[in-house]
Amino acid sequence: MAEITAALVKQLRERTGAGMMECKKALDEAAGDIEKAIDVLRKRGIASAAKKASRSTKQGSVTVALAPGRDSGAILEFNCESDFVARTEDFQSLVNGLTSQALAAPLGTTRDQMLEAPFHGDASQTVGQVIAGKIGKIGENMQLARFEKIEGGMIGSYIHPGAQLGVIVQVTGASPAAAANEEISELLRDIAMQVAAADPQFVRRDEVTPAVLEREKDVQRDRARAEGKPEAIIEKMIVGRMAKFYEEFCLLEQPFIKDNAVTVGQLIAAKAKKTGEQLDVARFVRYKVGETAPADAPAEA
């Protein structure tokens, strides 16, 4: 029996597109013979599905699942080749099952760990095997692109019509009773909708990294010089221009999309005062279909 080395596993993965653990198991079963291991994977429907793995997956959907108490939430992007398939019941059923599984998974679960985990809808198969089966049935490449889970506080969400764009947002500081408050629920949805529409990069200005700040200041200095502004006043101009930068890229300083006379931060403060709750946006996650390709997508077989 040949030694099952990491290089051998990598070679099988490159040839078939199957997951790392699936390749390891197939090599164990085939006593280290890579050709026999390929046959093992083909019999399981994994290698045949992998033949489609190099085909572009620019369509798909973003889905969200929230716990009943809204104290945790998960967002997931799943891709396919065509919009037609993305709208089928088969596809949507699989995506909803995967999103529920992402919500139940431990914090920090990676994409590879998810693919190797038993599928909640059928524990006799891994998530990767279920996806491979759907690829074989439907005839299109599909990819679990990414997912993320947030836990703690209250979670709000928004899915844009067409399911190409979705957001989850975490608000901390509220009492347990706040979960039943319709006004706060509407606020969380509005905040998530704001993130979807305005695409902020940070919650508040103190989260902007020094590197990002310096890069932006350099851009503004060069702009001012190109406009012929005297060096003596450029630094003063930078202060005003950075305020515009914060307004564009920091959620709490953005004009609220439903009423641009107030900022998102002012909206939250007003709702907190009205409801008597402490409301603080901790973080958000924004997914758009096709924006980020999976880092460990399988290679062409």
C-alpha atoms as a PDB file:
ATOM      1  CA  MET A   1       0.000   0.000   0.000  1.00  0.00           C
ATOM      2  CA  ALA A   2       1.363   3.392  -1.049  1.00  0.00           C
ATOM      3  CA  GLU A   3       1.773   6.030   1.626  1.00  0.00           C
ATOM      4  CA  ILE A   4      -1.144   8.497   1.637  1.00  0.00           C
ATOM      5  CA  THR A   5       0.865  11.699   1.485  1.00  0.00           C
ATOM      6  CA  ALA A   6      -0.436  15.258   1.387  1.00  0.00           C
ATOM      7  CA  ALA A   7       0.975  15.548  -2.129  1.00  0.00           C
ATOM      8  CA  LEU A   8      -1.039  12.500  -3.245  1.00  0.00           C
ATOM      9  CA  VAL A   9      -4.207  13.913  -1.744  1.00  0.00           C
ATOM     10  CA  LYS A  10      -3.533  17.230  -3.488  1.00  0.00           C
ATOM     11  CA  GLN A  11      -2.975  15.468  -6.798  1.00  0.00           C
ATOM     12  CA  LEU A  12      -6.271  13.599  -6.522  1.00  0.00           C
ATOM     13  CA  ARG A  13      -8.068  16.780  -5.539  1.00  0.00           C
ATOM     14  CA  GLU A  14      -6.644  18.625  -8.552  1.00  0.00           C
ATOM     15  CA  ARG A  15      -7.716  15.834 -10.890  1.00  0.00           C
ATOM     16  CA  THR A  16     -11.235  15.396  -9.532  1.00  0.00           C
ATOM     17  CA  GLY A  17     -12.213  18.585  -7.741  1.00  0.00           C
ATOM     18  CA  ALA A  18     -13.409  16.567  -4.757  1.00  0.00           C
ATOM     19  CA  GLY A  19     -12.909  17.820  -1.197  1.00  0.00           C
ATOM     20  CA  MET A  20      -9.728  17.119   0.717  1.00  0.00           C
ATOM     21  CA  MET A  21     -11.291  14.659   3.164  1.00  0.00           C
ATOM     22  CA  GLU A  22     -13.177  12.861   0.383  1.00  0.00           C
ATOM     23  CA  CYS A  23      -9.880  12.429  -1.491  1.00  0.00           C
ATOM     24  CA  LYS A  24      -8.156  11.100   1.626  1.00  0.00           C
ATOM     25  CA  LYS A  25     -10.934   8.559   2.210  1.00  0.00           C
ATOM     26  CA  ALA A  26     -10.912   7.462  -1.426  1.00  0.00           C
ATOM     27  CA  LEU A  27      -7.132   6.952  -1.356  1.00  0.00           C
ATOM     28  CA  ASP A  28      -7.406   4.943   1.852  1.00  0.00           C
ATOM     29  CA  GLU A  29     -10.053   2.757   0.259  1.00  0.00           C
ATOM     30  CA  ALA A  30      -7.947   2.377  -2.909  1.00  0.00           C
ATOM     31  CA  ALA A  31      -4.765   1.546  -0.943  1.00  0.00           C
ATOM     32  CA  GLY A  32      -3.039   4.622  -2.313  1.00  0.00           C
ATOM     33  CA  ASP A  33      -3.719   3.887  -5.995  1.00  0.00           C
ATOM     34  CA  ILE A  34      -4.791   7.223  -7.475  1.00  0.00           C
ATOM     35  CA  GLU A  35      -6.566   5.729 -10.520  1.00  0.00           C
ATOM     36  CA  LYS A  36      -8.618   3.426  -8.300  1.00  0.00           C
ATOM     37  CA  ALA A  37      -9.316   6.367  -5.989  1.00  0.00           C
ATOM     38  CA  ILE A  38     -10.720   8.288  -8.950  1.00  0.00           C
ATOM     39  CA  ASP A  39     -13.045   5.353  -9.633  1.00  0.00           C
ATOM     40  CA  VAL A  40     -14.119   5.369  -5.976  1.00  0.00           C
ATOM     41  CA  LEU A  41     -15.019   9.056  -6.261  1.00  0.00           C
ATOM     42  CA  ARG A  42     -16.784   8.520  -9.592  1.00  0.00           C
ATOM     43  CA  LYS A  43     -18.918   5.784  -8.055  1.00  0.00           C
ATOM     44  CA  ARG A  44     -19.938   8.226  -5.358  1.00  0.00           C
ATOM     45  CA  GLY A  45     -20.883  10.791  -8.003  1.00  0.00           C
ATOM     46  CA  ILE A  46     -18.212  13.209  -6.821  1.00  0.00           C
ATOM     47  CA  ALA A  47     -15.669  13.078  -9.642  1.00  0.00           C
ATOM     48  CA  SER A  48     -18.320  13.321 -12.349  1.00  0.00           C
ATOM     49  CA  ALA A  49     -19.696  16.430 -10.686  1.00  0.00           C
ATOM     50  CA  ALA A  50     -16.198  17.857 -10.485  1.00  0.00           C
ATOM     51  CA  LYS A  51     -15.873  17.796 -14.272  1.00  0.00           C
ATOM     52  CA  LYS A  52     -18.240  20.768 -14.278  1.00  0.00           C
ATOM     53  CA  ALA A  53     -16.268  22.567 -11.573  1.00  0.00           C
ATOM     54  CA  SER A  54     -14.350  24.865 -13.908  1.00  0.00           C
ATOM     55  CA  ARG A  55     -17.535  26.296 -15.401  1.00  0.00           C
ATOM     56  CA  SER A  56     -18.400  29.789 -14.288  1.00  0.00           C
ATOM     57  CA  THR A  57     -20.847  30.209 -11.403  1.00  0.00           C
ATOM     58  CA  LYS A  58     -21.915  33.834 -11.696  1.00  0.00           C
ATOM     59  CA  GLN A  59     -25.542  33.304 -10.733  1.00  0.00           C
ATOM     60  CA  GLY A  60     -27.043  32.056  -7.491  1.00  0.00           C
ATOM     61  CA  SER A  61     -28.601  33.516  -4.398  1.00  0.00           C
ATOM     62  CA  VAL A  62     -27.908  35.015  -0.994  1.00  0.00           C
ATOM     63  CA  THR A  63     -29.993  33.645   1.863  1.00  0.00           C
ATOM     64  CA  VAL A  64     -30.344  34.404   5.561  1.00  0.00           C
ATOM     65  CA  ALA A  65     -31.483  32.328   8.536  1.00  0.00           C
ATOM     66  CA  LEU A  66     -32.238  33.787  11.970  1.00  0.00           C
ATOM     67  CA  ALA A  67     -32.680  31.930  15.256  1.00  0.00           C
ATOM     68  CA  PRO A  68     -36.209  32.134  16.736  1.00  0.00           C
ATOM     69  CA  GLY A  69     -35.020  34.554  19.429  1.00  0.00           C
ATOM     70  CA  ARG A  70     -33.008  36.529  16.847  1.00  0.00           C
ATOM     71  CA  ASP A  71     -29.888  36.173  18.979  1.00  0.00           C
ATOM     72  CA  SER A  72     -27.957  34.568  16.122  1.00  0.00           C
ATOM     73  CA  GLY A  73     -28.074  34.653  12.360  1.00  0.00           C
ATOM     74  CA  ALA A  74     -26.305  33.276   9.315  1.00  0.00           C
ATOM     75  CA  ILE A  75     -25.875  34.569   5.787  1.00  0.00           C
ATOM     76  CA  LEU A  76     -24.846  32.316   2.890  1.00  0.00           C
ATOM     77  CA  GLU A  77     -24.020  32.698  -0.792  1.00  0.00           C
ATOM     78  CA  PHE A  78     -24.534  29.707  -3.074  1.00  0.00           C
ATOM     79  CA  ASN A  79     -23.700  29.919  -6.764  1.00  0.00           C
ATOM     80  CA  CYS A  80     -24.774  28.207  -9.975  1.00  0.00           C
ATOM     81  CA  GLU A  81     -24.378  28.862 -13.693  1.00  0.00           C
ATOM     82  CA  SER A  82     -27.791  30.223 -14.675  1.00  0.00           C
ATOM     83  CA  ASP A  83     -30.544  32.368 -13.228  1.00  0.00           C
ATOM     84  CA  PHE A  84     -33.050  29.729 -14.346  1.00  0.00           C
ATOM     85  CA  VAL A  85     -31.528  27.084 -12.061  1.00  0.00           C
ATOM     86  CA  ALA A  86     -31.232  29.607  -9.199  1.00  0.00           C
ATOM     87  CA  ARG A  87     -35.024  29.958  -9.264  1.00  0.00           C
ATOM     88  CA  THR A  88     -35.829  26.240  -9.249  1.00  0.00           C
ATOM     89  CA  GLU A  89     -37.335  24.502  -6.230  1.00  0.00           C
ATOM     90  CA  ASP A  90     -34.427  22.013  -6.128  1.00  0.00           C
ATOM     91  CA  PHE A  91     -31.882  24.802  -5.869  1.00  0.00           C
ATOM     92  CA  GLN A  92     -33.831  26.838  -3.326  1.00  0.00           C
ATOM     93  CA  SER A  93     -34.487  23.803  -1.145  1.00  0.00           C
ATOM     94  CA  LEU A  94     -30.775  22.975  -1.054  1.00  0.00           C
ATOM     95  CA  VAL A  95     -29.793  26.585  -0.305  1.00  0.00           C
ATOM     96  CA  ASN A  96     -32.321  26.889   2.522  1.00  0.00           C
ATOM     97  CA  GLY A  97     -31.050  23.647   4.041  1.00  0.00           C
ATOM     98  CA  LEU A  98     -27.451  24.833   3.846  1.00  0.00           C
ATOM     99  CA  THR A  99     -28.315  28.195   5.421  1.00  0.00           C
ATOM    100  CA  SER A 100     -30.062  26.471   8.318  1.00  0.00           C
ATOM    101  CA  GLN A 101     -27.002  24.260   8.743  1.00  0.00           C
ATOM    102  CA  ALA A 102     -24.739  27.340   8.758  1.00  0.00           C
ATOM    103  CA  LEU A 103     -26.893  28.829  11.514  1.00  0.00           C
ATOM    104  CA  ALA A 104     -26.547  25.653  13.601  1.00  0.00           C
ATOM    105  CA  ALA A 105     -22.792  25.334  12.990  1.00  0.00           C
ATOM    106  CA  PRO A 106     -20.262  26.452  15.624  1.00  0.00           C
ATOM    107  CA  LEU A 107     -18.887  29.961  15.241  1.00  0.00           C
ATOM    108  CA  GLY A 108     -15.820  30.015  13.040  1.00  0.00           C
ATOM    109  CA  THR A 109     -16.747  26.975  10.954  1.00  0.00           C
ATOM    110  CA  THR A 110     -14.848  27.152   7.664  1.00  0.00           C
ATOM    111  CA  ARG A 111     -16.135  26.404   4.194  1.00  0.00           C
ATOM    112  CA  ASP A 112     -14.088  23.185   3.990  1.00  0.00           C
ATOM    113  CA  GLN A 113     -15.402  22.073   7.390  1.00  0.00           C
ATOM    114  CA  MET A 114     -18.954  22.694   6.233  1.00  0.00           C
ATOM    115  CA  LEU A 115     -18.424  20.671   3.049  1.00  0.00           C
ATOM    116  CA  GLU A 116     -17.083  17.726   5.060  1.00  0.00           C
ATOM    117  CA  ALA A 117     -19.839  17.877   7.707  1.00  0.00           C
ATOM    118  CA  PRO A 118     -22.846  15.493   7.626  1.00  0.00           C
ATOM    119  CA  PHE A 119     -25.746  17.195   5.876  1.00  0.00           C
ATOM    120  CA  HIS A 120     -28.514  17.994   8.357  1.00  0.00           C
ATOM    121  CA  GLY A 121     -31.175  16.828   5.934  1.00  0.00           C
ATOM    122  CA  ASP A 122     -29.483  13.457   5.390  1.00  0.00           C
ATOM    123  CA  ALA A 123     -26.694  12.538   7.800  1.00  0.00           C
ATOM    124  CA  SER A 124     -25.615   9.616   5.605  1.00  0.00           C
ATOM    125  CA  GLN A 125     -24.040  12.152   3.230  1.00  0.00           C
ATOM    126  CA  THR A 126     -21.691  15.067   3.684  1.00  0.00           C
ATOM    127  CA  VAL A 127     -22.677  18.543   2.510  1.00  0.00           C
ATOM    128  CA  GLY A 128     -20.157  18.162  -0.326  1.00  0.00           C
ATOM    129  CA  GLN A 129     -21.733  14.887  -1.425  1.00  0.00           C
ATOM    130  CA  VAL A 130     -25.222  16.421  -1.402  1.00  0.00           C
ATOM    131  CA  ILE A 131     -24.013  19.312  -3.558  1.00  0.00           C
ATOM    132  CA  ALA A 132     -22.296  16.860  -5.930  1.00  0.00           C
ATOM    133  CA  GLY A 133     -25.536  14.919  -6.191  1.00  0.00           C
ATOM    134  CA  LYS A 134     -27.440  18.070  -7.118  1.00  0.00           C
ATOM    135  CA  ILE A 135     -24.835  18.921  -9.745  1.00  0.00           C
ATOM    136  CA  GLY A 136     -25.294  15.477 -11.260  1.00  0.00           C
ATOM    137  CA  LYS A 137     -29.084  15.783 -11.188  1.00  0.00           C
ATOM    138  CA  ILE A 138     -29.402  19.355 -12.483  1.00  0.00           C
ATOM    139  CA  GLY A 139     -26.380  19.362 -14.790  1.00  0.00           C
ATOM    140  CA  GLU A 140     -24.902  22.685 -13.727  1.00  0.00           C
ATOM    141  CA  ASN A 141     -21.851  23.548 -11.660  1.00  0.00           C
ATOM    142  CA  MET A 142     -22.713  24.768  -8.160  1.00  0.00           C
ATOM    143  CA  GLN A 143     -20.516  26.198  -5.440  1.00  0.00           C
ATOM    144  CA  LEU A 144     -20.935  26.956  -1.771  1.00  0.00           C
ATOM    145  CA  ALA A 145     -19.209  30.321  -2.100  1.00  0.00           C
ATOM    146  CA  ARG A 146     -19.167  31.573   1.501  1.00  0.00           C
ATOM    147  CA  PHE A 147     -21.167  31.918   4.684  1.00  0.00           C
ATOM    148  CA  GLU A 148     -20.880  33.648   8.031  1.00  0.00           C
ATOM    149  CA  LYS A 149     -22.595  33.331  11.364  1.00  0.00           C
ATOM    150  CA  ILE A 150     -23.103  36.097  13.951  1.00  0.00           C
ATOM    151  CA  GLU A 151     -24.064  35.342  17.538  1.00  0.00           C
ATOM    152  CA  GLY A 152     -25.188  37.615  20.365  1.00  0.00           C
ATOM    153  CA  GLY A 153     -27.359  40.693  20.731  1.00  0.00           C
ATOM    154  CA  MET A 154     -30.188  41.066  18.218  1.00  0.00           C
ATOM    155  CA  ILE A 155     -29.812  40.184  14.547  1.00  0.00           C
ATOM    156  CA  GLY A 156     -31.627  41.963  11.761  1.00  0.00           C
ATOM    157  CA  SER A 157     -31.596  41.093   8.071  1.00  0.00           C
ATOM    158  CA  TYR A 158     -32.541  42.225   4.614  1.00  0.00           C
ATOM    159  CA  ILE A 159     -32.632  40.321   1.319  1.00  0.00           C
ATOM    160  CA  HIS A 160     -33.033  42.463  -1.769  1.00  0.00           C
ATOM    161  CA  PRO A 161     -35.702  41.245  -4.232  1.00  0.00           C
ATOM    162  CA  GLY A 162     -34.131  38.643  -6.495  1.00  0.00           C
ATOM    163  CA  ALA A 163     -31.906  37.345  -3.667  1.00  0.00           C
ATOM    164  CA  GLN A 164     -28.716  38.655  -5.307  1.00  0.00           C
ATOM    165  CA  LEU A 165     -27.861  40.857  -2.327  1.00  0.00           C
ATOM    166  CA  GLY A 166     -28.320  40.281   1.388  1.00  0.00           C
ATOM    167  CA  VAL A 167     -27.265  41.682   4.757  1.00  0.00           C
ATOM    168  CA  ILE A 168     -27.304  40.668   8.396  1.00  0.00           C
ATOM    169  CA  VAL A 169     -26.653  43.235  11.118  1.00  0.00           C
ATOM    170  CA  GLN A 170     -25.941  42.778  14.821  1.00  0.00           C
ATOM    171  CA  VAL A 171     -27.214  45.256  17.422  1.00  0.00           C
ATOM    172  CA  THR A 172     -26.090  44.918  21.031  1.00  0.00           C
ATOM    173  CA  GLY A 173     -27.153  46.526  24.302  1.00  0.00           C
ATOM    174  CA  ALA A 174     -30.905  45.921  24.053  1.00  0.00           C
ATOM    175  CA  SER A 175     -32.909  44.026  26.667  1.00  0.00           C
ATOM    176  CA  PRO A 176     -34.395  40.568  25.937  1.00  0.00           C
ATOM    177  CA  ALA A 177     -37.813  42.211  25.606  1.00  0.00           C
ATOM    178  CA  ALA A 178     -36.601  44.242  22.643  1.00  0.00           C
ATOM    179  CA  ALA A 179     -36.840  41.187  20.378  1.00  0.00           C
ATOM    180  CA  ALA A 180     -40.633  41.455  20.547  1.00  0.00           C
ATOM    181  CA  ASN A 181     -40.690  45.212  19.896  1.00  0.00           C
ATOM    182  CA  GLU A 182     -41.920  45.798  16.342  1.00  0.00           C
ATOM    183  CA  GLU A 183     -40.392  49.265  16.185  1.00  0.00           C
ATOM    184  CA  ILE A 184     -36.942  47.892  16.968  1.00  0.00           C
ATOM    185  CA  SER A 185     -37.446  45.019  14.517  1.00  0.00           C
ATOM    186  CA  GLU A 186     -38.266  47.574  11.824  1.00  0.00           C
ATOM    187  CA  LEU A 187     -35.170  49.582  12.801  1.00  0.00           C
ATOM    188  CA  LEU A 188     -32.939  46.527  12.397  1.00  0.00           C
ATOM    189  CA  ARG A 189     -34.396  45.845   8.967  1.00  0.00           C
ATOM    190  CA  ASP A 190     -33.890  49.486   7.999  1.00  0.00           C
ATOM    191  CA  ILE A 191     -30.257  49.358   9.099  1.00  0.00           C
ATOM    192  CA  ALA A 192     -29.718  46.171   7.077  1.00  0.00           C
ATOM    193  CA  MET A 193     -31.410  47.809   4.082  1.00  0.00           C
ATOM    194  CA  GLN A 194     -29.119  50.818   4.499  1.00  0.00           C
ATOM    195  CA  VAL A 195     -26.065  48.543   4.375  1.00  0.00           C
ATOM    196  CA  ALA A 196     -27.424  46.855   1.244  1.00  0.00           C
ATOM    197  CA  ALA A 197     -28.085  50.157  -0.536  1.00  0.00           C
ATOM    198  CA  ALA A 198     -25.165  52.322   0.598  1.00  0.00           C
ATOM    199  CA  ASP A 199     -22.436  49.669   1.018  1.00  0.00           C
ATOM    200  CA  PRO A 200     -20.575  51.139   4.027  1.00  0.00           C
ATOM    201  CA  GLN A 201     -17.174  49.647   4.822  1.00  0.00           C
ATOM    202  CA  PHE A 202     -17.175  50.368   8.568  1.00  0.00           C
ATOM    203  CA  VAL A 203     -19.743  50.859  11.324  1.00  0.00           C
ATOM    204  CA  ARG A 204     -18.123  53.948  12.847  1.00  0.00           C
ATOM    205  CA  ARG A 205     -15.124  56.146  12.143  1.00  0.00           C
ATOM    206  CA  ASP A 206     -12.917  54.729  14.902  1.00  0.00           C
ATOM    207  CA  GLU A 207     -12.933  51.402  13.028  1.00  0.00           C
ATOM    208  CA  VAL A 208     -11.227  52.900   9.985  1.00  0.00           C
ATOM    209  CA  THR A 209      -7.696  51.546   9.978  1.00  0.00           C
ATOM    210  CA  PRO A 210      -4.690  53.914   9.963  1.00  0.00           C
ATOM    211  CA  ALA A 211      -3.624  52.497   6.597  1.00  0.00           C
ATOM    212  CA  VAL A 212      -6.987  53.317   5.013  1.00  0.00           C
ATOM    213  CA  LEU A 213      -6.948  56.804   6.540  1.00  0.00           C
ATOM    214  CA  GLU A 214      -3.475  57.602   5.269  1.00  0.00           C
ATOM    215  CA  ARG A 215      -4.278  56.302   1.802  1.00  0.00           C
ATOM    216  CA  GLU A 216      -7.390  58.483   1.624  1.00  0.00           C
ATOM    217  CA  LYS A 217      -5.520  61.529   2.921  1.00  0.00           C
ATOM    218  CA  ASP A 218      -2.833  60.989   0.285  1.00  0.00           C
ATOM    219  CA  VAL A 219      -5.527  60.849  -2.405  1.00  0.00           C
ATOM    220  CA  GLN A 220      -7.089  64.074  -1.148  1.00  0.00           C
ATOM    221  CA  ARG A 221      -3.712  65.846  -0.922  1.00  0.00           C
ATOM    222  CA  ASP A 222      -2.906  64.896  -4.517  1.00  0.00           C
ATOM    223  CA  ARG A 223      -6.331  66.062  -5.646  1.00  0.00           C
ATOM    224  CA  ALA A 224      -5.884  69.410  -3.896  1.00  0.00           C
ATOM    225  CA  ARG A 225      -2.447  69.869  -5.483  1.00  0.00           C
ATOM    226  CA  ALA A 226      -3.856  69.000  -8.903  1.00  0.00           C
ATOM    227  CA  GLU A 227      -6.479  71.698  -8.328  1.00  0.00           C
ATOM    228  CA  GLY A 228      -3.675  74.178  -7.710  1.00  0.00           C
ATOM    229  CA  LYS A 229      -4.366  74.716  -4.017  1.00  0.00           C
ATOM    230  CA  PRO A 230      -1.529  76.258  -1.957  1.00  0.00           C
ATOM    231  CA  GLU A 231       0.348  73.839   0.296  1.00  0.00           C
ATOM    232  CA  ALA A 232      -0.409  76.098   3.280  1.00  0.00           C
ATOM    233  CA  ILE A 233      -4.142  75.357   3.146  1.00  0.00           C
ATOM    234  CA  ILE A 234      -4.138  71.764   1.874  1.00  0.00           C
ATOM    235  CA  GLU A 235      -4.045  70.202   5.357  1.00  0.00           C
ATOM    236  CA  LYS A 236      -7.028  72.319   6.417  1.00  0.00           C
ATOM    237  CA  MET A 237      -8.890  71.200   3.310  1.00  0.00           C
ATOM    238  CA  ILE A 238      -8.131  67.559   4.147  1.00  0.00           C
ATOM    239  CA  VAL A 239     -10.149  67.855   7.382  1.00  0.00           C
ATOM    240  CA  GLY A 240     -13.286  68.814   5.474  1.00  0.00           C
ATOM    241  CA  ARG A 241     -12.758  66.239   2.773  1.00  0.00           C
ATOM    242  CA  MET A 242     -12.219  63.451   5.321  1.00  0.00           C
ATOM    243  CA  ALA A 243     -15.604  64.310   6.829  1.00  0.00           C
ATOM    244  CA  LYS A 244     -17.094  63.481   3.435  1.00  0.00           C
ATOM    245  CA  PHE A 245     -15.122  60.239   3.411  1.00  0.00           C
ATOM    246  CA  TYR A 246     -16.590  59.210   6.794  1.00  0.00           C
ATOM    247  CA  GLU A 247     -20.062  60.140   5.597  1.00  0.00           C
ATOM    248  CA  GLU A 248     -19.691  57.822   2.623  1.00  0.00           C
ATOM    249  CA  PHE A 249     -17.964  54.831   4.208  1.00  0.00           C
ATOM    250  CA  CYS A 250     -19.084  54.760   7.886  1.00  0.00           C
ATOM    251  CA  LEU A 251     -22.599  53.425   8.448  1.00  0.00           C
ATOM    252  CA  LEU A 252     -23.493  55.627  11.418  1.00  0.00           C
ATOM    253  CA  GLU A 253     -22.524  58.798   9.541  1.00  0.00           C
ATOM    254  CA  GLN A 254     -24.363  57.992   6.304  1.00  0.00           C
ATOM    255  CA  PRO A 255     -27.592  59.869   5.506  1.00  0.00           C
ATOM    256  CA  PHE A 256     -30.501  57.487   6.156  1.00  0.00           C
ATOM    257  CA  ILE A 257     -31.834  56.225   2.818  1.00  0.00           C
ATOM    258  CA  LYS A 258     -35.466  56.790   3.838  1.00  0.00           C
ATOM    259  CA  ASP A 259     -34.844  60.298   5.217  1.00  0.00           C
ATOM    260  CA  ASN A 260     -31.546  61.929   4.299  1.00  0.00           C
ATOM    261  CA  ALA A 261     -32.177  64.753   6.759  1.00  0.00           C
ATOM    262  CA  VAL A 262     -30.899  62.429   9.510  1.00  0.00           C
ATOM    263  CA  THR A 263     -27.897  60.128   9.719  1.00  0.00           C
ATOM    264  CA  VAL A 264     -28.205  56.459  10.586  1.00  0.00           C
ATOM    265  CA  GLY A 265     -26.578  57.222  13.939  1.00  0.00           C
ATOM    266  CA  GLN A 266     -29.176  59.906  14.692  1.00  0.00           C
ATOM    267  CA  LEU A 267     -31.982  57.533  13.674  1.00  0.00           C
ATOM    268  CA  ILE A 268     -30.704  54.859  16.073  1.00  0.00           C
ATOM    269  CA  ALA A 269     -30.303  57.377  18.911  1.00  0.00           C
ATOM    270  CA  ALA A 270     -33.894  58.602  18.411  1.00  0.00           C
ATOM    271  CA  LYS A 271     -35.279  55.051  18.438  1.00  0.00           C
ATOM    272  CA  ALA A 272     -33.246  54.202  21.542  1.00  0.00           C
ATOM    273  CA  LYS A 273     -34.632  57.226  23.376  1.00  0.00           C
ATOM    274  CA  LYS A 274     -38.196  56.451  22.294  1.00  0.00           C
ATOM    275  CA  THR A 275     -38.094  52.767  23.275  1.00  0.00           C
ATOM    276  CA  GLY A 276     -35.855  53.124  26.326  1.00  0.00           C
ATOM    277  CA  GLU A 277     -33.445  50.548  24.919  1.00  0.00           C
ATOM    278  CA  GLN A 278     -29.689  50.791  24.539  1.00  0.00           C
ATOM    279  CA  LEU A 279     -28.981  50.158  20.859  1.00  0.00           C
ATOM    280  CA  ASP A 280     -25.469  49.859  19.463  1.00  0.00           C
ATOM    281  CA  VAL A 281     -24.577  48.490  16.024  1.00  0.00           C
ATOM    282  CA  ALA A 282     -21.771  45.990  16.568  1.00  0.00           C
ATOM    283  CA  ARG A 283     -21.212  44.723  13.022  1.00  0.00           C
ATOM    284  CA  PHE A 284     -22.759  43.790   9.705  1.00  0.00           C
ATOM    285  CA  VAL A 285     -22.110  41.314   6.892  1.00  0.00           C
ATOM    286  CA  ARG A 286     -23.044  42.182   3.307  1.00  0.00           C
ATOM    287  CA  TYR A 287     -23.006  39.591   0.498  1.00  0.00           C
ATOM    288  CA  LYS A 288     -23.593  40.211  -3.191  1.00  0.00           C
ATOM    289  CA  VAL A 289     -23.734  37.270  -5.610  1.00  0.00           C
ATOM    290  CA  GLY A 290     -20.524  36.879  -7.568  1.00  0.00           C
ATOM    291  CA  GLU A 291     -18.658  39.545  -5.605  1.00  0.00           C
ATOM    292  CA  THR A 292     -16.174  37.097  -4.123  1.00  0.00           C
ATOM    293  CA  ALA A 293     -15.257  33.715  -5.612  1.00  0.00           C
ATOM    294  CA  PRO A 294     -14.579  30.810  -3.271  1.00  0.00           C
ATOM    295  CA  ALA A 295     -10.911  30.753  -2.246  1.00  0.00           C
ATOM    296  CA  ASP A 296     -10.671  26.978  -2.469  1.00  0.00           C
ATOM    297  CA  ALA A 297     -12.814  26.249  -5.501  1.00  0.00           C
ATOM    298  CA  PRO A 298     -11.932  22.878  -7.006  1.00  0.00           C
ATOM    299  CA  ALA A 299      -9.666  22.722 -10.023  1.00  0.00           C
ATOM    300  CA  GLU A 300     -10.777  21.306 -13.365  1.00  0.00           C
ATOM    301  CA  ALA A 301     -10.584  17.503 -13.477  1.00  0.00           C
END
